[in-house]
């Protein structure tokens, strides 16, 4: 079994529609995927409607944005009710906050002499977009001639350490864990920063965190071994995925995958 449990679509900041992601997953030889858009489950039903015809299973997923000490921390949720009232209400709040955040970042860029309008970001995001995210801002910056490529915008203009960065700042991490649990899901810490794992993990476990995202294409072997050991010691589930947004970044869907036996306990928790 080949799986990728961290994929984005146009429902948030991915470049492919949910249907295109399912087709790409099938072409790439994936058996199970999860659509984990930022703060919304809007892409799940569309993906799931096509998945059976292409022999791909779609696990309900979401990536909830949180902030701690000015840093973005993301919590993945799996195997919940995609029509959960708690998640639908969160999505409404997230949409408003992300648009507010985008205007704040545009204002900070203007202070550096980089002029861009919110309307330009909306145009770059396209008509199918859900929430507004930094990849949309990056695309607009490139189209306006302020950078040569999307990666350059993150390095030079809108990365986490840049003067124009604004955290989403909606929930604390424990709140995201509680939100996913309220929807009947399994909360997993997405791409946990190595310098925060030891200090933040105990409070998240107390809140009900069930696991860590261990397997990622950019994780060094030492990091994987460390997270595997933490999960075994703390009796946490292991997960993994590509965090795929667009083929423009290089890899195709399926180039990275995890195997069922690597995350067997998570799959059992979800009834797979």
C-alpha atoms as a PDB file:
ATOM      1  CA  UNK A   1       0.000   0.000   0.000  1.00  0.00           C
ATOM      2  CA  UNK A   2       1.369   3.398  -1.067  1.00  0.00           C
ATOM      3  CA  UNK A   3       0.105   6.428   0.836  1.00  0.00           C
ATOM      4  CA  UNK A   4       0.506  10.203   0.938  1.00  0.00           C
ATOM      5  CA  UNK A   5      -1.376  11.789   3.839  1.00  0.00           C
ATOM      6  CA  UNK A   6      -0.454  15.444   3.315  1.00  0.00           C
ATOM      7  CA  UNK A   7      -1.712  17.003   0.066  1.00  0.00           C
ATOM      8  CA  UNK A   8      -3.143  20.445  -0.717  1.00  0.00           C
ATOM      9  CA  UNK A   9      -5.643  21.530  -3.376  1.00  0.00           C
ATOM     10  CA  UNK A  10      -7.174  24.759  -4.665  1.00  0.00           C
ATOM     11  CA  UNK A  11      -9.481  24.649  -1.643  1.00  0.00           C
ATOM     12  CA  UNK A  12      -6.517  26.255   0.134  1.00  0.00           C
ATOM     13  CA  UNK A  13      -3.120  26.992  -1.406  1.00  0.00           C
ATOM     14  CA  UNK A  14      -2.558  24.090  -3.779  1.00  0.00           C
ATOM     15  CA  UNK A  15      -2.483  24.583  -7.541  1.00  0.00           C
ATOM     16  CA  UNK A  16      -4.602  21.552  -8.515  1.00  0.00           C
ATOM     17  CA  UNK A  17      -8.320  21.039  -7.973  1.00  0.00           C
ATOM     18  CA  UNK A  18      -9.395  18.160  -5.708  1.00  0.00           C
ATOM     19  CA  UNK A  19     -10.354  16.154  -8.809  1.00  0.00           C
ATOM     20  CA  UNK A  20      -6.978  16.800 -10.444  1.00  0.00           C
ATOM     21  CA  UNK A  21      -5.204  15.688  -7.260  1.00  0.00           C
ATOM     22  CA  UNK A  22      -7.088  12.378  -7.271  1.00  0.00           C
ATOM     23  CA  UNK A  23      -6.214  11.821 -10.936  1.00  0.00           C
ATOM     24  CA  UNK A  24      -2.576  12.702 -10.222  1.00  0.00           C
ATOM     25  CA  UNK A  25      -2.519  10.355  -7.243  1.00  0.00           C
ATOM     26  CA  UNK A  26      -3.873   7.496  -9.345  1.00  0.00           C
ATOM     27  CA  UNK A  27      -1.341   8.197 -12.086  1.00  0.00           C
ATOM     28  CA  UNK A  28       1.429   8.286  -9.484  1.00  0.00           C
ATOM     29  CA  UNK A  29       0.478   4.889  -8.086  1.00  0.00           C
ATOM     30  CA  UNK A  30      -0.922   6.063  -4.753  1.00  0.00           C
ATOM     31  CA  UNK A  31      -3.537   3.884  -3.076  1.00  0.00           C
ATOM     32  CA  UNK A  32      -4.523   6.152  -0.173  1.00  0.00           C
ATOM     33  CA  UNK A  33      -4.303   9.930   0.081  1.00  0.00           C
ATOM     34  CA  UNK A  34      -5.511  12.635   2.401  1.00  0.00           C
ATOM     35  CA  UNK A  35      -6.560  16.103   1.269  1.00  0.00           C
ATOM     36  CA  UNK A  36      -5.202  18.266   4.098  1.00  0.00           C
ATOM     37  CA  UNK A  37      -6.051  21.798   3.063  1.00  0.00           C
ATOM     38  CA  UNK A  38      -5.387  24.660   5.444  1.00  0.00           C
ATOM     39  CA  UNK A  39      -8.295  25.203   7.838  1.00  0.00           C
ATOM     40  CA  UNK A  40     -10.936  23.777   5.501  1.00  0.00           C
ATOM     41  CA  UNK A  41     -12.410  20.449   4.455  1.00  0.00           C
ATOM     42  CA  UNK A  42     -14.022  21.923   1.319  1.00  0.00           C
ATOM     43  CA  UNK A  43     -12.012  19.732  -1.070  1.00  0.00           C
ATOM     44  CA  UNK A  44     -12.865  16.370   0.471  1.00  0.00           C
ATOM     45  CA  UNK A  45     -16.295  15.695  -1.049  1.00  0.00           C
ATOM     46  CA  UNK A  46     -15.124  16.611  -4.560  1.00  0.00           C
ATOM     47  CA  UNK A  47     -12.083  14.364  -4.260  1.00  0.00           C
ATOM     48  CA  UNK A  48     -14.013  11.518  -2.706  1.00  0.00           C
ATOM     49  CA  UNK A  49     -16.674  11.586  -5.426  1.00  0.00           C
ATOM     50  CA  UNK A  50     -14.069  10.675  -8.040  1.00  0.00           C
ATOM     51  CA  UNK A  51     -11.785   8.484  -5.954  1.00  0.00           C
ATOM     52  CA  UNK A  52     -13.709   5.208  -6.131  1.00  0.00           C
ATOM     53  CA  UNK A  53     -13.672   5.222  -9.921  1.00  0.00           C
ATOM     54  CA  UNK A  54      -9.874   5.533  -9.872  1.00  0.00           C
ATOM     55  CA  UNK A  55      -9.235   3.021  -7.060  1.00  0.00           C
ATOM     56  CA  UNK A  56      -7.892   5.701  -4.721  1.00  0.00           C
ATOM     57  CA  UNK A  57      -9.073   5.986  -1.124  1.00  0.00           C
ATOM     58  CA  UNK A  58      -9.373   9.523   0.250  1.00  0.00           C
ATOM     59  CA  UNK A  59      -9.024   9.958   4.013  1.00  0.00           C
ATOM     60  CA  UNK A  60     -10.755  13.056   5.438  1.00  0.00           C
ATOM     61  CA  UNK A  61      -8.017  15.466   6.426  1.00  0.00           C
ATOM     62  CA  UNK A  62      -7.289  19.049   7.456  1.00  0.00           C
ATOM     63  CA  UNK A  63      -4.258  21.118   8.445  1.00  0.00           C
ATOM     64  CA  UNK A  64      -5.199  23.507  11.239  1.00  0.00           C
ATOM     65  CA  UNK A  65      -3.107  26.651  11.598  1.00  0.00           C
ATOM     66  CA  UNK A  66      -1.986  27.750  15.059  1.00  0.00           C
ATOM     67  CA  UNK A  67       0.531  30.162  16.508  1.00  0.00           C
ATOM     68  CA  UNK A  68       2.861  29.925  19.486  1.00  0.00           C
ATOM     69  CA  UNK A  69       5.338  32.682  20.368  1.00  0.00           C
ATOM     70  CA  UNK A  70       4.898  34.233  16.928  1.00  0.00           C
ATOM     71  CA  UNK A  71       5.607  30.987  15.073  1.00  0.00           C
ATOM     72  CA  UNK A  72       3.190  29.005  12.941  1.00  0.00           C
ATOM     73  CA  UNK A  73       2.534  25.492  14.213  1.00  0.00           C
ATOM     74  CA  UNK A  74       0.261  23.203  12.190  1.00  0.00           C
ATOM     75  CA  UNK A  75      -1.804  20.288  13.417  1.00  0.00           C
ATOM     76  CA  UNK A  76      -3.125  17.686  10.978  1.00  0.00           C
ATOM     77  CA  UNK A  77      -6.429  15.957  11.578  1.00  0.00           C
ATOM     78  CA  UNK A  78      -7.544  12.638  10.081  1.00  0.00           C
ATOM     79  CA  UNK A  79     -10.564  10.319  10.074  1.00  0.00           C
ATOM     80  CA  UNK A  80     -13.082  12.922  11.291  1.00  0.00           C
ATOM     81  CA  UNK A  81     -16.544  13.874  10.083  1.00  0.00           C
ATOM     82  CA  UNK A  82     -15.847  16.342   7.229  1.00  0.00           C
ATOM     83  CA  UNK A  83     -19.229  17.962   7.876  1.00  0.00           C
ATOM     84  CA  UNK A  84     -18.495  18.520  11.561  1.00  0.00           C
ATOM     85  CA  UNK A  85     -20.080  21.763  12.744  1.00  0.00           C
ATOM     86  CA  UNK A  86     -16.936  22.574  14.721  1.00  0.00           C
ATOM     87  CA  UNK A  87     -14.774  22.355  11.604  1.00  0.00           C
ATOM     88  CA  UNK A  88     -17.240  24.278   9.418  1.00  0.00           C
ATOM     89  CA  UNK A  89     -17.326  27.130  11.935  1.00  0.00           C
ATOM     90  CA  UNK A  90     -13.530  27.095  12.152  1.00  0.00           C
ATOM     91  CA  UNK A  91     -13.313  27.329   8.355  1.00  0.00           C
ATOM     92  CA  UNK A  92     -15.440  30.485   8.362  1.00  0.00           C
ATOM     93  CA  UNK A  93     -13.249  32.106  10.997  1.00  0.00           C
ATOM     94  CA  UNK A  94     -10.108  31.036   9.157  1.00  0.00           C
ATOM     95  CA  UNK A  95     -11.260  32.522   5.861  1.00  0.00           C
ATOM     96  CA  UNK A  96     -11.784  35.926   7.455  1.00  0.00           C
ATOM     97  CA  UNK A  97      -8.527  35.812   9.429  1.00  0.00           C
ATOM     98  CA  UNK A  98      -6.422  34.733   6.462  1.00  0.00           C
ATOM     99  CA  UNK A  99      -7.740  37.587   4.338  1.00  0.00           C
ATOM    100  CA  UNK A 100      -7.000  40.000   7.181  1.00  0.00           C
ATOM    101  CA  UNK A 101      -3.509  38.544   7.539  1.00  0.00           C
ATOM    102  CA  UNK A 102      -2.896  38.893   3.800  1.00  0.00           C
ATOM    103  CA  UNK A 103      -3.779  42.581   3.907  1.00  0.00           C
ATOM    104  CA  UNK A 104      -1.374  42.999   6.833  1.00  0.00           C
ATOM    105  CA  UNK A 105       1.452  41.347   4.881  1.00  0.00           C
ATOM    106  CA  UNK A 106       0.713  43.481   1.818  1.00  0.00           C
ATOM    107  CA  UNK A 107       0.956  46.546   4.059  1.00  0.00           C
ATOM    108  CA  UNK A 108       4.320  45.428   5.440  1.00  0.00           C
ATOM    109  CA  UNK A 109       5.608  44.830   1.916  1.00  0.00           C
ATOM    110  CA  UNK A 110       4.476  48.344   0.958  1.00  0.00           C
ATOM    111  CA  UNK A 111       6.594  49.736   3.799  1.00  0.00           C
ATOM    112  CA  UNK A 112       9.576  48.141   2.022  1.00  0.00           C
ATOM    113  CA  UNK A 113       8.623  49.787  -1.264  1.00  0.00           C
ATOM    114  CA  UNK A 114       7.000  46.681  -2.730  1.00  0.00           C
ATOM    115  CA  UNK A 115       3.563  47.705  -3.975  1.00  0.00           C
ATOM    116  CA  UNK A 116       0.940  45.024  -4.466  1.00  0.00           C
ATOM    117  CA  UNK A 117      -2.843  45.038  -4.079  1.00  0.00           C
ATOM    118  CA  UNK A 118      -5.086  42.484  -2.428  1.00  0.00           C
ATOM    119  CA  UNK A 119      -6.903  42.205  -5.747  1.00  0.00           C
ATOM    120  CA  UNK A 120      -3.665  41.103  -7.437  1.00  0.00           C
ATOM    121  CA  UNK A 121      -3.309  38.329  -4.864  1.00  0.00           C
ATOM    122  CA  UNK A 122      -6.922  37.262  -5.435  1.00  0.00           C
ATOM    123  CA  UNK A 123      -6.300  37.160  -9.181  1.00  0.00           C
ATOM    124  CA  UNK A 124      -3.169  35.064  -8.686  1.00  0.00           C
ATOM    125  CA  UNK A 125      -5.120  32.670  -6.465  1.00  0.00           C
ATOM    126  CA  UNK A 126      -7.669  32.056  -9.229  1.00  0.00           C
ATOM    127  CA  UNK A 127     -11.431  31.545  -9.186  1.00  0.00           C
ATOM    128  CA  UNK A 128     -11.315  28.117  -7.518  1.00  0.00           C
ATOM    129  CA  UNK A 129      -9.330  29.223  -4.513  1.00  0.00           C
ATOM    130  CA  UNK A 130     -10.614  28.719  -0.994  1.00  0.00           C
ATOM    131  CA  UNK A 131      -8.562  30.391   1.716  1.00  0.00           C
ATOM    132  CA  UNK A 132      -5.851  32.886   0.789  1.00  0.00           C
ATOM    133  CA  UNK A 133      -2.314  31.789   1.592  1.00  0.00           C
ATOM    134  CA  UNK A 134       1.289  32.801   1.137  1.00  0.00           C
ATOM    135  CA  UNK A 135       1.735  30.763  -2.080  1.00  0.00           C
ATOM    136  CA  UNK A 136      -0.912  33.016  -3.647  1.00  0.00           C
ATOM    137  CA  UNK A 137       0.970  36.092  -2.446  1.00  0.00           C
ATOM    138  CA  UNK A 138       4.205  34.615  -3.803  1.00  0.00           C
ATOM    139  CA  UNK A 139       2.645  34.016  -7.216  1.00  0.00           C
ATOM    140  CA  UNK A 140       1.319  37.586  -7.298  1.00  0.00           C
ATOM    141  CA  UNK A 141       4.751  38.970  -6.405  1.00  0.00           C
ATOM    142  CA  UNK A 142       6.323  37.034  -9.273  1.00  0.00           C
ATOM    143  CA  UNK A 143       3.624  38.138 -11.718  1.00  0.00           C
ATOM    144  CA  UNK A 144       4.165  41.766 -10.654  1.00  0.00           C
ATOM    145  CA  UNK A 145       7.912  41.490 -11.284  1.00  0.00           C
ATOM    146  CA  UNK A 146       9.041  41.722  -7.670  1.00  0.00           C
ATOM    147  CA  UNK A 147      10.767  38.315  -7.763  1.00  0.00           C
ATOM    148  CA  UNK A 148      11.923  35.824 -10.366  1.00  0.00           C
ATOM    149  CA  UNK A 149      10.345  32.749  -8.787  1.00  0.00           C
ATOM    150  CA  UNK A 150       8.049  31.598  -6.006  1.00  0.00           C
ATOM    151  CA  UNK A 151      10.931  30.083  -3.984  1.00  0.00           C
ATOM    152  CA  UNK A 152      12.760  33.423  -4.185  1.00  0.00           C
ATOM    153  CA  UNK A 153       9.785  35.236  -2.651  1.00  0.00           C
ATOM    154  CA  UNK A 154       9.901  32.985   0.400  1.00  0.00           C
ATOM    155  CA  UNK A 155      13.660  33.344   0.750  1.00  0.00           C
ATOM    156  CA  UNK A 156      13.764  37.101   0.278  1.00  0.00           C
ATOM    157  CA  UNK A 157      10.337  38.593   0.938  1.00  0.00           C
ATOM    158  CA  UNK A 158       7.684  36.558   2.772  1.00  0.00           C
ATOM    159  CA  UNK A 159       9.388  33.703   4.612  1.00  0.00           C
ATOM    160  CA  UNK A 160       8.915  33.092   8.320  1.00  0.00           C
ATOM    161  CA  UNK A 161      11.934  35.255   9.185  1.00  0.00           C
ATOM    162  CA  UNK A 162      11.109  38.132   6.830  1.00  0.00           C
ATOM    163  CA  UNK A 163       9.924  41.595   7.966  1.00  0.00           C
ATOM    164  CA  UNK A 164       6.663  41.043   6.053  1.00  0.00           C
ATOM    165  CA  UNK A 165       5.755  37.796   7.807  1.00  0.00           C
ATOM    166  CA  UNK A 166       2.534  37.785   9.822  1.00  0.00           C
ATOM    167  CA  UNK A 167       1.448  34.624  11.673  1.00  0.00           C
ATOM    168  CA  UNK A 168      -2.079  33.375  11.094  1.00  0.00           C
ATOM    169  CA  UNK A 169      -2.692  33.714  14.845  1.00  0.00           C
ATOM    170  CA  UNK A 170      -6.096  32.072  15.313  1.00  0.00           C
ATOM    171  CA  UNK A 171      -5.580  29.222  17.761  1.00  0.00           C
ATOM    172  CA  UNK A 172      -2.926  27.919  20.089  1.00  0.00           C
ATOM    173  CA  UNK A 173      -1.735  24.395  19.227  1.00  0.00           C
ATOM    174  CA  UNK A 174      -3.699  22.776  22.044  1.00  0.00           C
ATOM    175  CA  UNK A 175      -6.834  24.443  20.687  1.00  0.00           C
ATOM    176  CA  UNK A 176      -6.273  22.819  17.288  1.00  0.00           C
ATOM    177  CA  UNK A 177      -5.878  19.414  18.940  1.00  0.00           C
ATOM    178  CA  UNK A 178      -9.136  19.936  20.820  1.00  0.00           C
ATOM    179  CA  UNK A 179     -10.911  21.080  17.631  1.00  0.00           C
ATOM    180  CA  UNK A 180      -9.923  17.914  15.767  1.00  0.00           C
ATOM    181  CA  UNK A 181     -10.902  15.710  18.692  1.00  0.00           C
ATOM    182  CA  UNK A 182     -14.299  17.438  18.874  1.00  0.00           C
ATOM    183  CA  UNK A 183     -14.848  16.481  15.222  1.00  0.00           C
ATOM    184  CA  UNK A 184     -14.039  12.855  16.017  1.00  0.00           C
ATOM    185  CA  UNK A 185     -10.602  12.963  14.408  1.00  0.00           C
ATOM    186  CA  UNK A 186      -7.026  11.924  15.112  1.00  0.00           C
ATOM    187  CA  UNK A 187      -4.727  14.946  15.703  1.00  0.00           C
ATOM    188  CA  UNK A 188      -1.136  14.698  14.424  1.00  0.00           C
ATOM    189  CA  UNK A 189       1.550  17.390  14.759  1.00  0.00           C
ATOM    190  CA  UNK A 190       2.520  18.413  11.211  1.00  0.00           C
ATOM    191  CA  UNK A 191       6.215  18.853  10.333  1.00  0.00           C
ATOM    192  CA  UNK A 192       7.167  19.465  13.991  1.00  0.00           C
ATOM    193  CA  UNK A 193      10.101  21.913  14.312  1.00  0.00           C
ATOM    194  CA  UNK A 194      13.038  20.162  15.883  1.00  0.00           C
ATOM    195  CA  UNK A 195      13.727  22.994  18.325  1.00  0.00           C
ATOM    196  CA  UNK A 196      10.176  22.971  19.724  1.00  0.00           C
ATOM    197  CA  UNK A 197       9.400  19.268  19.998  1.00  0.00           C
ATOM    198  CA  UNK A 198      10.773  18.731  23.483  1.00  0.00           C
ATOM    199  CA  UNK A 199       9.239  21.870  24.989  1.00  0.00           C
ATOM    200  CA  UNK A 200       5.826  21.823  23.303  1.00  0.00           C
ATOM    201  CA  UNK A 201       5.055  18.117  23.006  1.00  0.00           C
ATOM    202  CA  UNK A 202       4.069  17.464  26.658  1.00  0.00           C
ATOM    203  CA  UNK A 203       1.313  20.104  26.611  1.00  0.00           C
ATOM    204  CA  UNK A 204       0.003  18.851  23.272  1.00  0.00           C
ATOM    205  CA  UNK A 205      -0.106  15.265  24.532  1.00  0.00           C
ATOM    206  CA  UNK A 206      -2.050  16.458  27.577  1.00  0.00           C
ATOM    207  CA  UNK A 207      -4.506  18.155  25.201  1.00  0.00           C
ATOM    208  CA  UNK A 208      -4.989  14.863  23.328  1.00  0.00           C
ATOM    209  CA  UNK A 209      -2.379  14.850  20.531  1.00  0.00           C
ATOM    210  CA  UNK A 210      -2.152  11.359  19.067  1.00  0.00           C
ATOM    211  CA  UNK A 211       1.002  11.480  16.961  1.00  0.00           C
ATOM    212  CA  UNK A 212       3.731  13.136  14.897  1.00  0.00           C
ATOM    213  CA  UNK A 213       4.296  13.538  11.172  1.00  0.00           C
ATOM    214  CA  UNK A 214       7.524  11.545  10.981  1.00  0.00           C
ATOM    215  CA  UNK A 215       7.986  10.753   7.288  1.00  0.00           C
ATOM    216  CA  UNK A 216       8.476  13.701   4.931  1.00  0.00           C
ATOM    217  CA  UNK A 217      10.558  14.108   1.760  1.00  0.00           C
ATOM    218  CA  UNK A 218      12.719  16.823   3.322  1.00  0.00           C
ATOM    219  CA  UNK A 219      13.305  15.084   6.656  1.00  0.00           C
ATOM    220  CA  UNK A 220      16.886  14.011   7.156  1.00  0.00           C
ATOM    221  CA  UNK A 221      17.439  10.457   8.347  1.00  0.00           C
ATOM    222  CA  UNK A 222      18.543  11.717  11.763  1.00  0.00           C
ATOM    223  CA  UNK A 223      15.267  13.606  12.171  1.00  0.00           C
ATOM    224  CA  UNK A 224      13.226  10.560  11.177  1.00  0.00           C
ATOM    225  CA  UNK A 225      15.057   8.393  13.704  1.00  0.00           C
ATOM    226  CA  UNK A 226      14.553  11.003  16.415  1.00  0.00           C
ATOM    227  CA  UNK A 227      10.804  11.311  15.768  1.00  0.00           C
ATOM    228  CA  UNK A 228      10.387   7.541  15.539  1.00  0.00           C
ATOM    229  CA  UNK A 229      12.058   7.199  18.953  1.00  0.00           C
ATOM    230  CA  UNK A 230       9.859   9.925  20.455  1.00  0.00           C
ATOM    231  CA  UNK A 231       6.733   8.219  19.147  1.00  0.00           C
ATOM    232  CA  UNK A 232       7.751   4.845  20.532  1.00  0.00           C
ATOM    233  CA  UNK A 233       8.710   6.288  23.920  1.00  0.00           C
ATOM    234  CA  UNK A 234       5.557   8.405  24.199  1.00  0.00           C
ATOM    235  CA  UNK A 235       3.215   5.835  22.604  1.00  0.00           C
ATOM    236  CA  UNK A 236       2.340   8.209  19.779  1.00  0.00           C
ATOM    237  CA  UNK A 237       1.193   7.353  16.260  1.00  0.00           C
ATOM    238  CA  UNK A 238       3.429   7.987  13.252  1.00  0.00           C
ATOM    239  CA  UNK A 239       2.258   9.617  10.042  1.00  0.00           C
ATOM    240  CA  UNK A 240       3.789  11.017   6.890  1.00  0.00           C
ATOM    241  CA  UNK A 241       3.202  12.806   3.631  1.00  0.00           C
ATOM    242  CA  UNK A 242       4.701  14.986   0.962  1.00  0.00           C
ATOM    243  CA  UNK A 243       3.007  18.309   1.849  1.00  0.00           C
ATOM    244  CA  UNK A 244       2.406  18.536  -1.897  1.00  0.00           C
ATOM    245  CA  UNK A 245       1.124  21.819  -3.336  1.00  0.00           C
ATOM    246  CA  UNK A 246       2.089  22.000  -6.999  1.00  0.00           C
ATOM    247  CA  UNK A 247       4.036  20.198  -9.728  1.00  0.00           C
ATOM    248  CA  UNK A 248       5.846  23.489 -10.336  1.00  0.00           C
ATOM    249  CA  UNK A 249       7.943  22.731  -7.255  1.00  0.00           C
ATOM    250  CA  UNK A 250       9.395  19.661  -8.994  1.00  0.00           C
ATOM    251  CA  UNK A 251       8.091  16.354  -7.597  1.00  0.00           C
ATOM    252  CA  UNK A 252       4.982  14.733  -9.000  1.00  0.00           C
ATOM    253  CA  UNK A 253       2.359  13.134  -6.816  1.00  0.00           C
ATOM    254  CA  UNK A 254       3.562   9.661  -5.962  1.00  0.00           C
ATOM    255  CA  UNK A 255       7.257  10.491  -6.194  1.00  0.00           C
ATOM    256  CA  UNK A 256       7.183  10.434  -2.393  1.00  0.00           C
ATOM    257  CA  UNK A 257       5.057   7.927  -0.551  1.00  0.00           C
ATOM    258  CA  UNK A 258       4.901   6.057   2.705  1.00  0.00           C
ATOM    259  CA  UNK A 259       4.123   2.372   3.140  1.00  0.00           C
ATOM    260  CA  UNK A 260       1.256   0.971   5.121  1.00  0.00           C
ATOM    261  CA  UNK A 261       3.474  -0.878   7.575  1.00  0.00           C
ATOM    262  CA  UNK A 262       5.290   2.358   8.463  1.00  0.00           C
ATOM    263  CA  UNK A 263       2.071   3.892   9.824  1.00  0.00           C
ATOM    264  CA  UNK A 264       0.108   0.736  10.629  1.00  0.00           C
ATOM    265  CA  UNK A 265      -1.061   1.980  14.029  1.00  0.00           C
ATOM    266  CA  UNK A 266      -2.477   5.195  12.538  1.00  0.00           C
ATOM    267  CA  UNK A 267      -4.318   3.243   9.845  1.00  0.00           C
ATOM    268  CA  UNK A 268      -5.730   0.906  12.488  1.00  0.00           C
ATOM    269  CA  UNK A 269      -6.900   3.924  14.505  1.00  0.00           C
ATOM    270  CA  UNK A 270      -8.714   5.144  11.407  1.00  0.00           C
ATOM    271  CA  UNK A 271     -10.260   1.798  10.583  1.00  0.00           C
ATOM    272  CA  UNK A 272      -8.160   1.044   7.496  1.00  0.00           C
END
